[in-house]
Amino acid sequence: MQSVQIFGVKNSQATRAAERFFKERRIQIHMVDLKLKPMSPGEIKRFIDKFTLAGILDKEGRAWEDAGLKYMKVSDAEMLLKIEKNPGLLKLPFVRCANKLSAGHDEAAWKAMAV
């Protein structure tokens, strides 16, 4: 039986959609609430390697604007510190199933994991 790991925040609509998607298919879920426990540097690196740092950031979201990042230049190292403190800056949820990864609400990628 396979399982998936979902990194997100409980009050996020996209995170709840991912949970519901996998529960409907009776796939075991390991939920990591990023408000309670930040992702490890190795785990973040895995998603950055696949999607790039810019690819995992939610530049359209309210958290991005609230943090004033719309008009600031921030180094990658500074950005990693910011996303550790504020998971709302990320395109959540991040889903990992073995070596398959997805960032954001991506049902096509989830279906590939559910096979």
N, C-alpha and C. Protein backbone atom coordinates (compact mmCIF):
# COMPACT_ATOMS: atom_id res chain seq x y z
N MET A 1 0.85 -1.20 0.00
CA MET A 1 0.00 0.00 0.00
C MET A 1 0.87 1.24 0.00
N GLN A 2 0.66 2.11 -0.96
CA GLN A 2 1.45 3.33 -1.03
C GLN A 2 0.87 4.41 -0.13
N SER A 3 1.70 5.38 0.18
CA SER A 3 1.23 6.51 0.97
C SER A 3 1.82 7.79 0.38
N VAL A 4 1.19 8.90 0.69
CA VAL A 4 1.69 10.19 0.22
C VAL A 4 1.95 11.08 1.42
N GLN A 5 2.87 12.00 1.23
CA GLN A 5 3.17 12.98 2.25
C GLN A 5 2.69 14.33 1.71
N ILE A 6 1.85 15.01 2.47
CA ILE A 6 1.32 16.30 2.06
C ILE A 6 1.88 17.37 2.99
N PHE A 7 2.56 18.34 2.40
CA PHE A 7 3.06 19.49 3.15
C PHE A 7 2.14 20.65 2.83
N GLY A 8 1.49 21.19 3.85
CA GLY A 8 0.56 22.29 3.60
C GLY A 8 0.17 22.93 4.91
N VAL A 9 -0.89 23.71 4.87
CA VAL A 9 -1.44 24.30 6.08
C VAL A 9 -2.92 23.92 6.14
N LYS A 10 -3.38 23.65 7.36
CA LYS A 10 -4.73 23.11 7.56
C LYS A 10 -5.83 23.98 6.97
N ASN A 11 -5.68 25.31 7.04
CA ASN A 11 -6.77 26.17 6.58
C ASN A 11 -6.67 26.53 5.10
N SER A 12 -5.80 25.84 4.36
CA SER A 12 -5.64 26.11 2.93
C SER A 12 -6.60 25.25 2.12
N GLN A 13 -7.33 25.89 1.23
CA GLN A 13 -8.30 25.19 0.39
C GLN A 13 -7.60 24.14 -0.49
N ALA A 14 -6.45 24.48 -1.05
CA ALA A 14 -5.73 23.55 -1.92
C ALA A 14 -5.20 22.35 -1.13
N THR A 15 -4.75 22.58 0.10
CA THR A 15 -4.27 21.48 0.94
C THR A 15 -5.42 20.53 1.26
N ARG A 16 -6.59 21.09 1.59
CA ARG A 16 -7.76 20.25 1.88
C ARG A 16 -8.18 19.47 0.63
N ALA A 17 -8.04 20.08 -0.54
CA ALA A 17 -8.39 19.39 -1.79
C ALA A 17 -7.47 18.19 -2.01
N ALA A 18 -6.19 18.36 -1.72
CA ALA A 18 -5.24 17.25 -1.87
C ALA A 18 -5.58 16.13 -0.89
N GLU A 19 -5.86 16.50 0.36
CA GLU A 19 -6.24 15.48 1.36
C GLU A 19 -7.46 14.70 0.90
N ARG A 20 -8.47 15.43 0.44
CA ARG A 20 -9.72 14.80 0.00
C ARG A 20 -9.46 13.88 -1.21
N PHE A 21 -8.64 14.35 -2.16
CA PHE A 21 -8.32 13.57 -3.35
C PHE A 21 -7.74 12.20 -2.98
N PHE A 22 -6.76 12.20 -2.07
CA PHE A 22 -6.11 10.93 -1.72
C PHE A 22 -6.97 10.07 -0.80
N LYS A 23 -7.74 10.71 0.08
CA LYS A 23 -8.65 9.94 0.94
C LYS A 23 -9.70 9.23 0.12
N GLU A 24 -10.24 9.90 -0.91
CA GLU A 24 -11.25 9.27 -1.77
C GLU A 24 -10.70 8.04 -2.47
N ARG A 25 -9.41 8.00 -2.69
CA ARG A 25 -8.77 6.86 -3.36
C ARG A 25 -8.15 5.88 -2.36
N ARG A 26 -8.47 6.08 -1.10
CA ARG A 26 -8.00 5.23 0.01
C ARG A 26 -6.48 5.10 0.04
N ILE A 27 -5.82 6.21 -0.19
CA ILE A 27 -4.36 6.24 -0.12
C ILE A 27 -3.98 6.88 1.21
N GLN A 28 -3.07 6.22 1.92
CA GLN A 28 -2.67 6.70 3.24
C GLN A 28 -1.96 8.05 3.12
N ILE A 29 -2.31 8.96 4.03
CA ILE A 29 -1.77 10.32 4.01
C ILE A 29 -0.96 10.58 5.26
N HIS A 30 0.20 11.19 5.07
CA HIS A 30 0.99 11.73 6.18
C HIS A 30 0.96 13.24 6.00
N MET A 31 0.19 13.92 6.84
CA MET A 31 0.03 15.37 6.71
C MET A 31 1.06 16.08 7.57
N VAL A 32 1.76 17.04 6.98
CA VAL A 32 2.70 17.88 7.72
C VAL A 32 2.18 19.31 7.64
N ASP A 33 1.72 19.83 8.79
CA ASP A 33 1.22 21.21 8.84
C ASP A 33 2.42 22.14 8.99
N LEU A 34 2.70 22.91 7.94
CA LEU A 34 3.89 23.76 7.94
C LEU A 34 3.81 24.91 8.93
N LYS A 35 2.62 25.19 9.45
CA LYS A 35 2.53 26.23 10.49
C LYS A 35 3.08 25.70 11.81
N LEU A 36 2.98 24.37 11.99
CA LEU A 36 3.45 23.76 13.22
C LEU A 36 4.89 23.26 13.11
N LYS A 37 5.25 22.76 11.93
CA LYS A 37 6.58 22.16 11.75
C LYS A 37 7.10 22.53 10.36
N PRO A 38 8.16 23.35 10.28
CA PRO A 38 8.68 23.72 8.96
C PRO A 38 9.30 22.51 8.24
N MET A 39 9.36 22.61 6.93
CA MET A 39 10.00 21.55 6.14
C MET A 39 11.49 21.54 6.44
N SER A 40 12.08 20.36 6.38
CA SER A 40 13.53 20.27 6.56
C SER A 40 14.21 20.87 5.33
N PRO A 41 15.44 21.36 5.49
CA PRO A 41 16.15 21.92 4.33
C PRO A 41 16.29 20.90 3.19
N GLY A 42 16.50 19.64 3.51
CA GLY A 42 16.62 18.61 2.48
C GLY A 42 15.32 18.43 1.71
N GLU A 43 14.20 18.50 2.43
CA GLU A 43 12.89 18.34 1.79
C GLU A 43 12.61 19.53 0.88
N ILE A 44 12.89 20.74 1.34
CA ILE A 44 12.70 21.92 0.50
C ILE A 44 13.58 21.82 -0.74
N LYS A 45 14.82 21.38 -0.56
CA LYS A 45 15.77 21.26 -1.68
C LYS A 45 15.22 20.30 -2.74
N ARG A 46 14.59 19.23 -2.32
CA ARG A 46 14.03 18.25 -3.25
C ARG A 46 13.00 18.92 -4.17
N PHE A 47 12.14 19.77 -3.61
CA PHE A 47 11.13 20.47 -4.42
C PHE A 47 11.77 21.56 -5.27
N ILE A 48 12.77 22.27 -4.73
CA ILE A 48 13.46 23.32 -5.49
C ILE A 48 14.19 22.69 -6.68
N ASP A 49 14.83 21.53 -6.47
CA ASP A 49 15.55 20.86 -7.56
C ASP A 49 14.61 20.52 -8.71
N LYS A 50 13.37 20.15 -8.37
CA LYS A 50 12.42 19.78 -9.43
C LYS A 50 11.73 21.00 -10.04
N PHE A 51 11.30 21.96 -9.21
CA PHE A 51 10.46 23.07 -9.69
C PHE A 51 11.16 24.43 -9.72
N THR A 52 12.37 24.55 -9.23
CA THR A 52 13.13 25.79 -9.01
C THR A 52 12.52 26.59 -7.84
N LEU A 53 13.32 27.44 -7.25
CA LEU A 53 12.84 28.24 -6.11
C LEU A 53 11.69 29.14 -6.56
N ALA A 54 11.84 29.80 -7.70
CA ALA A 54 10.78 30.67 -8.21
C ALA A 54 9.51 29.86 -8.50
N GLY A 55 9.68 28.60 -8.90
CA GLY A 55 8.55 27.75 -9.25
C GLY A 55 7.71 27.30 -8.07
N ILE A 56 8.26 27.36 -6.86
CA ILE A 56 7.49 26.92 -5.69
C ILE A 56 6.92 28.09 -4.89
N LEU A 57 7.21 29.31 -5.34
CA LEU A 57 6.72 30.50 -4.63
C LEU A 57 5.37 30.93 -5.19
N ASP A 58 4.49 31.33 -4.30
CA ASP A 58 3.16 31.80 -4.70
C ASP A 58 3.20 33.32 -4.77
N LYS A 59 3.63 33.84 -5.91
CA LYS A 59 3.80 35.29 -6.06
C LYS A 59 2.48 36.01 -6.27
N GLU A 60 1.40 35.27 -6.45
CA GLU A 60 0.08 35.87 -6.63
C GLU A 60 -0.69 35.95 -5.31
N GLY A 61 -0.18 35.28 -4.28
CA GLY A 61 -0.92 35.16 -3.02
C GLY A 61 -0.86 36.39 -2.14
N ARG A 62 -1.78 36.42 -1.20
CA ARG A 62 -1.87 37.53 -0.26
C ARG A 62 -0.62 37.60 0.64
N ALA A 63 -0.09 36.45 1.05
CA ALA A 63 1.08 36.44 1.93
C ALA A 63 2.27 37.11 1.27
N TRP A 64 2.40 36.93 -0.05
CA TRP A 64 3.51 37.53 -0.80
C TRP A 64 3.41 39.05 -0.73
N GLU A 65 2.20 39.56 -0.96
CA GLU A 65 1.97 41.00 -0.92
C GLU A 65 2.13 41.54 0.50
N ASP A 66 1.56 40.83 1.48
CA ASP A 66 1.64 41.26 2.88
C ASP A 66 3.08 41.33 3.37
N ALA A 67 3.93 40.44 2.85
CA ALA A 67 5.34 40.43 3.26
C ALA A 67 6.14 41.52 2.54
N GLY A 68 5.50 42.24 1.63
CA GLY A 68 6.18 43.32 0.91
C GLY A 68 7.13 42.82 -0.15
N LEU A 69 7.00 41.56 -0.55
CA LEU A 69 7.96 40.97 -1.48
C LEU A 69 7.70 41.37 -2.94
N LYS A 70 6.57 41.98 -3.19
CA LYS A 70 6.24 42.38 -4.56
C LYS A 70 7.27 43.38 -5.09
N TYR A 71 7.81 44.18 -4.20
CA TYR A 71 8.71 45.26 -4.62
C TYR A 71 10.13 45.11 -4.09
N MET A 72 10.46 43.95 -3.52
CA MET A 72 11.78 43.75 -2.93
C MET A 72 12.59 42.72 -3.71
N LYS A 73 13.88 42.94 -3.75
CA LYS A 73 14.80 41.93 -4.28
C LYS A 73 15.35 41.20 -3.06
N VAL A 74 15.20 39.86 -3.06
CA VAL A 74 15.64 39.07 -1.91
C VAL A 74 16.52 37.94 -2.43
N SER A 75 17.64 37.70 -1.75
CA SER A 75 18.52 36.61 -2.17
C SER A 75 17.84 35.26 -1.90
N ASP A 76 18.33 34.21 -2.57
CA ASP A 76 17.76 32.88 -2.36
C ASP A 76 17.86 32.46 -0.90
N ALA A 77 19.00 32.76 -0.27
CA ALA A 77 19.18 32.37 1.15
C ALA A 77 18.17 33.10 2.04
N GLU A 78 17.95 34.39 1.78
CA GLU A 78 16.97 35.15 2.56
C GLU A 78 15.56 34.61 2.31
N MET A 79 15.27 34.24 1.06
CA MET A 79 13.96 33.71 0.71
C MET A 79 13.71 32.39 1.45
N LEU A 80 14.72 31.53 1.53
CA LEU A 80 14.57 30.26 2.25
C LEU A 80 14.22 30.51 3.71
N LEU A 81 14.84 31.52 4.32
CA LEU A 81 14.51 31.85 5.72
C LEU A 81 13.08 32.36 5.83
N LYS A 82 12.66 33.17 4.85
CA LYS A 82 11.30 33.72 4.87
C LYS A 82 10.25 32.61 4.71
N ILE A 83 10.49 31.65 3.81
CA ILE A 83 9.47 30.62 3.60
C ILE A 83 9.42 29.64 4.78
N GLU A 84 10.53 29.53 5.50
CA GLU A 84 10.51 28.69 6.70
C GLU A 84 9.58 29.31 7.75
N LYS A 85 9.63 30.63 7.86
CA LYS A 85 8.80 31.34 8.85
C LYS A 85 7.36 31.53 8.37
N ASN A 86 7.17 31.62 7.03
CA ASN A 86 5.85 31.91 6.48
C ASN A 86 5.52 30.97 5.32
N PRO A 87 4.95 29.79 5.60
CA PRO A 87 4.65 28.84 4.54
C PRO A 87 3.62 29.35 3.53
N GLY A 88 2.93 30.45 3.86
CA GLY A 88 1.97 31.02 2.93
C GLY A 88 2.61 31.57 1.66
N LEU A 89 3.93 31.73 1.68
CA LEU A 89 4.65 32.22 0.50
C LEU A 89 4.81 31.13 -0.56
N LEU A 90 4.49 29.90 -0.19
CA LEU A 90 4.69 28.76 -1.10
C LEU A 90 3.41 28.38 -1.84
N LYS A 91 3.59 27.75 -3.00
CA LYS A 91 2.46 27.19 -3.75
C LYS A 91 2.11 25.86 -3.11
N LEU A 92 1.23 25.92 -2.14
CA LEU A 92 0.88 24.71 -1.39
C LEU A 92 -0.33 24.04 -2.02
N PRO A 93 -0.52 22.78 -1.83
CA PRO A 93 0.32 21.89 -1.03
C PRO A 93 1.47 21.32 -1.86
N PHE A 94 2.50 20.87 -1.15
CA PHE A 94 3.54 20.06 -1.76
C PHE A 94 3.15 18.62 -1.45
N VAL A 95 3.16 17.78 -2.46
CA VAL A 95 2.82 16.37 -2.27
C VAL A 95 3.98 15.53 -2.75
N ARG A 96 4.34 14.53 -1.94
CA ARG A 96 5.42 13.63 -2.32
C ARG A 96 4.95 12.20 -2.17
N CYS A 97 5.15 11.42 -3.22
CA CYS A 97 4.85 9.99 -3.19
C CYS A 97 6.06 9.30 -3.80
N ALA A 98 6.86 8.66 -2.96
CA ALA A 98 8.14 8.07 -3.40
C ALA A 98 8.95 9.17 -4.07
N ASN A 99 9.27 9.04 -5.36
CA ASN A 99 10.06 10.07 -6.05
C ASN A 99 9.22 11.03 -6.88
N LYS A 100 7.90 10.91 -6.81
CA LYS A 100 7.02 11.80 -7.55
C LYS A 100 6.67 13.00 -6.68
N LEU A 101 6.75 14.19 -7.26
CA LEU A 101 6.49 15.41 -6.50
C LEU A 101 5.48 16.29 -7.24
N SER A 102 4.71 17.04 -6.47
CA SER A 102 3.85 18.06 -7.07
C SER A 102 3.85 19.29 -6.17
N ALA A 103 3.66 20.44 -6.79
CA ALA A 103 3.59 21.70 -6.05
C ALA A 103 2.32 22.43 -6.47
N GLY A 104 1.54 22.84 -5.50
CA GLY A 104 0.29 23.53 -5.79
C GLY A 104 -0.83 22.55 -6.09
N HIS A 105 -1.98 23.08 -6.44
CA HIS A 105 -3.15 22.25 -6.74
C HIS A 105 -2.94 21.67 -8.14
N ASP A 106 -2.54 20.38 -8.20
CA ASP A 106 -2.16 19.75 -9.47
C ASP A 106 -2.74 18.34 -9.54
N GLU A 107 -4.04 18.26 -9.90
CA GLU A 107 -4.72 16.97 -9.90
C GLU A 107 -4.11 15.98 -10.89
N ALA A 108 -3.55 16.46 -12.00
CA ALA A 108 -2.92 15.56 -12.98
C ALA A 108 -1.75 14.82 -12.33
N ALA A 109 -0.93 15.56 -11.57
CA ALA A 109 0.20 14.95 -10.89
C ALA A 109 -0.28 14.01 -9.79
N TRP A 110 -1.37 14.39 -9.09
CA TRP A 110 -1.91 13.54 -8.03
C TRP A 110 -2.41 12.23 -8.61
N LYS A 111 -3.06 12.30 -9.79
CA LYS A 111 -3.57 11.06 -10.44
C LYS A 111 -2.42 10.15 -10.78
N ALA A 112 -1.30 10.72 -11.25
CA ALA A 112 -0.12 9.91 -11.57
C ALA A 112 0.42 9.21 -10.32
N MET A 113 0.32 9.88 -9.18
CA MET A 113 0.78 9.28 -7.91
C MET A 113 -0.17 8.20 -7.43
N ALA A 114 -1.46 8.32 -7.76
CA ALA A 114 -2.47 7.41 -7.24
C ALA A 114 -2.52 6.10 -8.01
N VAL A 115 -1.73 5.97 -9.06
CA VAL A 115 -1.76 4.74 -9.87
C VAL A 115 -1.13 3.60 -9.12
